[in-house]
Amino acid sequence: GQYAEERFFFNFESTSYRFRREELVGQALSELSSKHSIPRSSLWIQTKYTALGGQDTSKPLPYDPKSSVESQVKSSIQTSLRQLGVEYVDGLLLHSPLPTYEVCRRTFPSALIL
């Protein structure tokens, strides 16, 4: 019905450190909570890990490029959590390919255990 259509809104945010805007998204998330009483649990927030080949290396990186891919992913997630001001994200995307499928398989399960 019309009432249901008026009450529907999309609670989804996808971000990435690479876009250099996660702190702004974090401010918006804080405002949603404090000014609009929208709880974190009602939002779906996802971020992305971007491998070194997809990064602009002239700008600061969210990880040490000399560390293992597993460490890079963990550091990238921690950076996103800090900038977003949240304790968890609901989704993590691979923004650029990793060197091999095996590296991807080995990295992502371990990265999710912070």
N, C-alpha and C. Protein backbone atom coordinates (compact mmCIF):
# COMPACT_ATOMS: atom_id res chain seq x y z
N GLY A 1 0.80 -1.19 0.00
CA GLY A 1 0.00 0.00 0.00
C GLY A 1 0.84 1.25 0.00
N GLN A 2 0.14 2.36 -0.09
CA GLN A 2 0.82 3.64 -0.15
C GLN A 2 1.60 3.89 1.14
N TYR A 3 1.03 3.54 2.28
CA TYR A 3 1.71 3.77 3.56
C TYR A 3 3.04 3.02 3.59
N ALA A 4 3.02 1.78 3.17
CA ALA A 4 4.24 0.98 3.18
C ALA A 4 5.29 1.59 2.25
N GLU A 5 4.87 2.09 1.11
CA GLU A 5 5.81 2.70 0.17
C GLU A 5 6.43 3.96 0.75
N GLU A 6 5.67 4.74 1.48
CA GLU A 6 6.19 5.96 2.07
C GLU A 6 7.14 5.66 3.22
N ARG A 7 6.96 4.55 3.89
CA ARG A 7 7.79 4.21 5.04
C ARG A 7 9.07 3.47 4.66
N PHE A 8 9.18 3.04 3.43
CA PHE A 8 10.33 2.25 3.01
C PHE A 8 11.53 3.15 2.74
N PHE A 9 12.67 2.78 3.26
CA PHE A 9 13.91 3.44 2.89
C PHE A 9 15.03 2.42 2.91
N PHE A 10 16.08 2.70 2.20
CA PHE A 10 17.16 1.76 1.97
C PHE A 10 18.27 2.02 2.97
N ASN A 11 18.59 1.06 3.81
CA ASN A 11 19.61 1.21 4.84
C ASN A 11 20.88 0.47 4.46
N PHE A 12 21.57 0.96 3.48
CA PHE A 12 22.75 0.28 2.97
C PHE A 12 23.83 1.30 2.65
N GLU A 13 25.05 1.01 3.04
CA GLU A 13 26.17 1.88 2.71
C GLU A 13 27.35 1.01 2.32
N SER A 14 27.89 1.28 1.16
CA SER A 14 29.09 0.60 0.70
C SER A 14 30.18 1.64 0.55
N THR A 15 31.34 1.36 1.11
CA THR A 15 32.41 2.33 1.11
C THR A 15 33.74 1.63 0.91
N SER A 16 34.79 2.39 0.83
CA SER A 16 36.14 1.84 0.71
C SER A 16 37.13 2.91 1.10
N TYR A 17 38.19 2.51 1.79
CA TYR A 17 39.25 3.45 2.14
C TYR A 17 39.79 4.12 0.88
N ARG A 18 39.84 3.37 -0.20
CA ARG A 18 40.39 3.87 -1.46
C ARG A 18 39.70 5.15 -1.92
N PHE A 19 38.42 5.31 -1.61
CA PHE A 19 37.67 6.49 -2.02
C PHE A 19 37.95 7.70 -1.12
N ARG A 20 38.66 7.48 -0.02
CA ARG A 20 39.04 8.55 0.92
C ARG A 20 37.84 9.27 1.52
N ARG A 21 36.75 8.55 1.73
CA ARG A 21 35.56 9.19 2.27
C ARG A 21 34.97 8.43 3.46
N GLU A 22 35.67 7.44 3.96
CA GLU A 22 35.09 6.64 5.05
C GLU A 22 34.84 7.47 6.30
N GLU A 23 35.67 8.45 6.59
CA GLU A 23 35.44 9.28 7.77
C GLU A 23 34.12 10.05 7.64
N LEU A 24 33.82 10.53 6.43
CA LEU A 24 32.55 11.23 6.21
C LEU A 24 31.37 10.28 6.39
N VAL A 25 31.52 9.07 5.90
CA VAL A 25 30.46 8.07 6.08
C VAL A 25 30.31 7.78 7.58
N GLY A 26 31.42 7.70 8.30
CA GLY A 26 31.36 7.49 9.74
C GLY A 26 30.61 8.61 10.45
N GLN A 27 30.83 9.84 10.03
CA GLN A 27 30.10 10.97 10.61
C GLN A 27 28.61 10.85 10.33
N ALA A 28 28.27 10.44 9.12
CA ALA A 28 26.85 10.27 8.77
C ALA A 28 26.23 9.14 9.59
N LEU A 29 26.96 8.06 9.78
CA LEU A 29 26.44 6.95 10.59
C LEU A 29 26.20 7.38 12.03
N SER A 30 27.12 8.18 12.56
CA SER A 30 26.96 8.69 13.91
C SER A 30 25.72 9.59 14.01
N GLU A 31 25.51 10.41 13.00
CA GLU A 31 24.34 11.30 12.99
C GLU A 31 23.04 10.50 12.86
N LEU A 32 23.06 9.45 12.06
CA LEU A 32 21.86 8.61 11.95
C LEU A 32 21.47 8.06 13.31
N SER A 33 22.47 7.69 14.08
CA SER A 33 22.20 7.14 15.40
C SER A 33 21.77 8.22 16.39
N SER A 34 22.55 9.29 16.47
CA SER A 34 22.29 10.30 17.50
C SER A 34 21.10 11.21 17.20
N LYS A 35 20.91 11.60 15.96
CA LYS A 35 19.85 12.56 15.63
C LYS A 35 18.58 11.92 15.11
N HIS A 36 18.70 10.71 14.58
CA HIS A 36 17.53 10.09 13.96
C HIS A 36 17.14 8.75 14.59
N SER A 37 17.86 8.37 15.65
CA SER A 37 17.56 7.14 16.39
C SER A 37 17.53 5.89 15.51
N ILE A 38 18.39 5.86 14.50
CA ILE A 38 18.48 4.68 13.65
C ILE A 38 19.62 3.83 14.21
N PRO A 39 19.31 2.65 14.73
CA PRO A 39 20.35 1.83 15.36
C PRO A 39 21.27 1.20 14.32
N ARG A 40 22.51 0.98 14.71
CA ARG A 40 23.49 0.35 13.83
C ARG A 40 22.97 -0.99 13.32
N SER A 41 22.28 -1.73 14.16
CA SER A 41 21.80 -3.06 13.80
C SER A 41 20.80 -3.03 12.64
N SER A 42 20.23 -1.87 12.34
CA SER A 42 19.28 -1.79 11.23
C SER A 42 19.94 -1.39 9.92
N LEU A 43 21.25 -1.22 9.93
CA LEU A 43 21.99 -0.81 8.75
C LEU A 43 22.86 -1.94 8.23
N TRP A 44 23.05 -1.99 6.93
CA TRP A 44 24.00 -2.91 6.30
C TRP A 44 25.16 -2.06 5.80
N ILE A 45 26.34 -2.31 6.35
CA ILE A 45 27.52 -1.54 5.98
C ILE A 45 28.56 -2.51 5.43
N GLN A 46 29.08 -2.17 4.27
CA GLN A 46 30.15 -2.99 3.73
C GLN A 46 31.29 -2.11 3.27
N THR A 47 32.46 -2.69 3.26
CA THR A 47 33.64 -1.99 2.78
C THR A 47 34.38 -2.91 1.83
N LYS A 48 35.49 -2.44 1.33
CA LYS A 48 36.22 -3.20 0.33
C LYS A 48 37.70 -3.24 0.68
N TYR A 49 38.31 -4.36 0.36
CA TYR A 49 39.77 -4.45 0.39
C TYR A 49 40.25 -4.24 -1.04
N THR A 50 41.16 -3.29 -1.22
CA THR A 50 41.75 -3.05 -2.53
C THR A 50 43.21 -3.43 -2.47
N ALA A 51 43.60 -4.39 -3.31
CA ALA A 51 44.99 -4.81 -3.37
C ALA A 51 45.87 -3.67 -3.86
N LEU A 52 47.16 -3.81 -3.64
CA LEU A 52 48.11 -2.75 -3.97
C LEU A 52 47.99 -2.30 -5.43
N GLY A 53 47.77 -3.23 -6.35
CA GLY A 53 47.66 -2.89 -7.76
C GLY A 53 46.50 -1.97 -8.08
N GLY A 54 45.50 -1.90 -7.21
CA GLY A 54 44.34 -1.04 -7.43
C GLY A 54 44.39 0.25 -6.62
N GLN A 55 45.45 0.43 -5.84
CA GLN A 55 45.58 1.60 -4.98
C GLN A 55 46.31 2.74 -5.69
N ASP A 56 46.03 3.95 -5.26
CA ASP A 56 46.80 5.12 -5.67
C ASP A 56 47.95 5.22 -4.66
N THR A 57 49.12 4.74 -5.04
CA THR A 57 50.24 4.66 -4.10
C THR A 57 50.88 6.02 -3.80
N SER A 58 50.38 7.09 -4.42
CA SER A 58 50.87 8.42 -4.07
C SER A 58 50.17 8.94 -2.82
N LYS A 59 49.17 8.21 -2.36
CA LYS A 59 48.42 8.59 -1.14
C LYS A 59 48.64 7.53 -0.06
N PRO A 60 48.38 7.88 1.21
CA PRO A 60 48.56 6.90 2.28
C PRO A 60 47.70 5.65 2.05
N LEU A 61 48.26 4.50 2.41
CA LEU A 61 47.54 3.23 2.26
C LEU A 61 46.99 2.79 3.61
N PRO A 62 45.94 1.98 3.62
CA PRO A 62 45.38 1.49 4.88
C PRO A 62 46.14 0.29 5.43
N TYR A 63 47.27 -0.05 4.82
CA TYR A 63 48.07 -1.20 5.25
C TYR A 63 49.50 -1.02 4.79
N ASP A 64 50.39 -1.85 5.34
CA ASP A 64 51.79 -1.86 4.94
C ASP A 64 51.90 -2.72 3.68
N PRO A 65 52.29 -2.13 2.56
CA PRO A 65 52.35 -2.89 1.31
C PRO A 65 53.39 -4.01 1.31
N LYS A 66 54.31 -3.99 2.28
CA LYS A 66 55.34 -5.02 2.37
C LYS A 66 54.88 -6.22 3.20
N SER A 67 53.75 -6.08 3.88
CA SER A 67 53.26 -7.18 4.72
C SER A 67 52.52 -8.21 3.86
N SER A 68 52.21 -9.34 4.45
CA SER A 68 51.49 -10.39 3.73
C SER A 68 50.10 -9.89 3.34
N VAL A 69 49.52 -10.51 2.34
CA VAL A 69 48.17 -10.13 1.91
C VAL A 69 47.20 -10.29 3.07
N GLU A 70 47.36 -11.37 3.85
CA GLU A 70 46.48 -11.59 5.00
C GLU A 70 46.55 -10.41 5.97
N SER A 71 47.78 -9.94 6.26
CA SER A 71 47.95 -8.79 7.16
C SER A 71 47.39 -7.51 6.54
N GLN A 72 47.57 -7.35 5.23
CA GLN A 72 47.03 -6.18 4.56
C GLN A 72 45.51 -6.11 4.69
N VAL A 73 44.86 -7.24 4.49
CA VAL A 73 43.40 -7.28 4.58
C VAL A 73 42.95 -6.95 6.00
N LYS A 74 43.58 -7.56 6.99
CA LYS A 74 43.21 -7.28 8.39
C LYS A 74 43.41 -5.81 8.73
N SER A 75 44.54 -5.26 8.31
CA SER A 75 44.82 -3.85 8.58
C SER A 75 43.81 -2.94 7.87
N SER A 76 43.47 -3.29 6.63
CA SER A 76 42.50 -2.51 5.87
C SER A 76 41.14 -2.52 6.57
N ILE A 77 40.74 -3.68 7.05
CA ILE A 77 39.45 -3.78 7.77
C ILE A 77 39.50 -2.94 9.04
N GLN A 78 40.59 -3.05 9.80
CA GLN A 78 40.70 -2.27 11.04
C GLN A 78 40.65 -0.77 10.76
N THR A 79 41.30 -0.34 9.68
CA THR A 79 41.27 1.08 9.30
C THR A 79 39.84 1.50 8.98
N SER A 80 39.14 0.67 8.23
CA SER A 80 37.75 0.99 7.88
C SER A 80 36.88 1.06 9.12
N LEU A 81 37.02 0.10 10.03
CA LEU A 81 36.21 0.11 11.26
C LEU A 81 36.45 1.39 12.05
N ARG A 82 37.71 1.77 12.18
CA ARG A 82 38.05 2.98 12.93
C ARG A 82 37.46 4.22 12.25
N GLN A 83 37.61 4.32 10.94
CA GLN A 83 37.12 5.52 10.25
C GLN A 83 35.60 5.57 10.19
N LEU A 84 34.98 4.42 10.11
CA LEU A 84 33.51 4.38 10.08
C LEU A 84 32.90 4.53 11.47
N GLY A 85 33.71 4.31 12.50
CA GLY A 85 33.21 4.41 13.87
C GLY A 85 32.27 3.28 14.24
N VAL A 86 32.51 2.09 13.69
CA VAL A 86 31.67 0.93 13.97
C VAL A 86 32.54 -0.22 14.47
N GLU A 87 31.88 -1.20 15.09
CA GLU A 87 32.60 -2.36 15.62
C GLU A 87 32.67 -3.50 14.62
N TYR A 88 31.81 -3.46 13.61
CA TYR A 88 31.80 -4.53 12.61
C TYR A 88 31.22 -4.00 11.30
N VAL A 89 31.54 -4.67 10.21
CA VAL A 89 30.90 -4.42 8.93
C VAL A 89 30.15 -5.69 8.56
N ASP A 90 29.12 -5.53 7.78
CA ASP A 90 28.28 -6.66 7.40
C ASP A 90 28.80 -7.37 6.16
N GLY A 91 29.57 -6.66 5.35
CA GLY A 91 30.09 -7.26 4.13
C GLY A 91 31.47 -6.74 3.83
N LEU A 92 32.29 -7.61 3.29
CA LEU A 92 33.63 -7.23 2.85
C LEU A 92 33.80 -7.71 1.43
N LEU A 93 34.10 -6.78 0.54
CA LEU A 93 34.28 -7.11 -0.87
C LEU A 93 35.75 -7.06 -1.25
N LEU A 94 36.11 -7.86 -2.21
CA LEU A 94 37.43 -7.82 -2.80
C LEU A 94 37.34 -6.86 -3.98
N HIS A 95 37.98 -5.69 -3.86
CA HIS A 95 37.86 -4.63 -4.85
C HIS A 95 38.78 -4.82 -6.04
N SER A 96 39.85 -5.55 -5.85
CA SER A 96 40.81 -5.84 -6.91
C SER A 96 41.23 -7.29 -6.77
N PRO A 97 41.60 -7.93 -7.84
CA PRO A 97 41.98 -9.34 -7.74
C PRO A 97 43.26 -9.54 -6.94
N LEU A 98 43.32 -10.67 -6.25
CA LEU A 98 44.54 -11.09 -5.58
C LEU A 98 45.37 -11.90 -6.57
N PRO A 99 46.64 -12.14 -6.24
CA PRO A 99 47.51 -12.82 -7.21
C PRO A 99 47.00 -14.18 -7.69
N THR A 100 46.43 -14.97 -6.79
CA THR A 100 45.93 -16.30 -7.17
C THR A 100 44.66 -16.62 -6.40
N TYR A 101 43.93 -17.60 -6.88
CA TYR A 101 42.75 -18.07 -6.17
C TYR A 101 43.13 -18.62 -4.80
N GLU A 102 44.24 -19.32 -4.72
CA GLU A 102 44.68 -19.90 -3.45
C GLU A 102 44.94 -18.81 -2.41
N VAL A 103 45.57 -17.71 -2.83
CA VAL A 103 45.81 -16.59 -1.91
C VAL A 103 44.47 -16.04 -1.43
N CYS A 104 43.52 -15.91 -2.32
CA CYS A 104 42.19 -15.41 -1.96
C CYS A 104 41.53 -16.36 -0.96
N ARG A 105 41.55 -17.65 -1.24
CA ARG A 105 40.94 -18.65 -0.35
C ARG A 105 41.60 -18.64 1.02
N ARG A 106 42.90 -18.49 1.05
CA ARG A 106 43.64 -18.50 2.31
C ARG A 106 43.43 -17.21 3.10
N THR A 107 43.28 -16.09 2.39
CA THR A 107 43.23 -14.78 3.03
C THR A 107 41.89 -14.46 3.66
N PHE A 108 40.82 -14.63 2.95
CA PHE A 108 39.55 -14.10 3.45
C PHE A 108 38.99 -14.79 4.68
N PRO A 109 39.05 -16.09 4.82
CA PRO A 109 38.58 -16.66 6.09
C PRO A 109 39.40 -16.16 7.27
N SER A 110 40.72 -16.04 7.12
CA SER A 110 41.54 -15.59 8.24
C SER A 110 41.35 -14.10 8.51
N ALA A 111 41.05 -13.33 7.49
CA ALA A 111 40.87 -11.88 7.67
C ALA A 111 39.61 -11.58 8.48
N LEU A 112 38.64 -12.45 8.42
CA LEU A 112 37.38 -12.20 9.09
C LEU A 112 37.46 -12.45 10.60
N ILE A 113 38.54 -13.07 11.04
CA ILE A 113 38.73 -13.30 12.46
C ILE A 113 39.72 -12.26 12.95
N LEU A 114 39.17 -11.16 13.47
CA LEU A 114 40.02 -10.03 13.87
C LEU A 114 40.43 -10.23 15.27
